[in-house]
Amino acid sequence: MPRCASTTTPYWFSDAPVLAVLAPRYARSLWKYRRHAKAYRALVLDSGHLSQTLYPSATELGLGAFVTSAINEIDIERGFGLDPLAEGPLAVCGFGWRAREMTTSEFDPGGEVWLRRPDGADES
């Protein structure tokens, strides 16, 4: 798969050391929930739980993490040889080492990840 083919808008994710594609097999969920409409909802919830587990795990290791559903499904399906009617990507998760400087915005309301000096400049 070409570099950055898995994500569309968030180009800064292309350099992440680890990317994990959350791509369920729809038939398994439909079988489990007896072809009920809640089968897809369960897939989305499971993907959300998996992706949110990544954040505290990465933080504990001092790594940065992300999850995005702004993905290029067609390139991912082709790259992994997925049948889009049977299985398909819902999101891409990733993690890796933080950069020395914050170059994109990041949610850090407590100021604990990117420490600030009293004069407002970043610490190195």
Foldseek 3Di string as FASTA:
>chain_A
DDQPQWADPPNVCSPFPDKDFLKDFQVVLCVVVVNDPCSVVVSVVVVVVVQVVVCVVQVVVQKDKDKDQRTDWVVVCVVVVHDVVGMTTRIMMGMDHDDPDDPDDDDDVPCPSFNADPVGDTDD
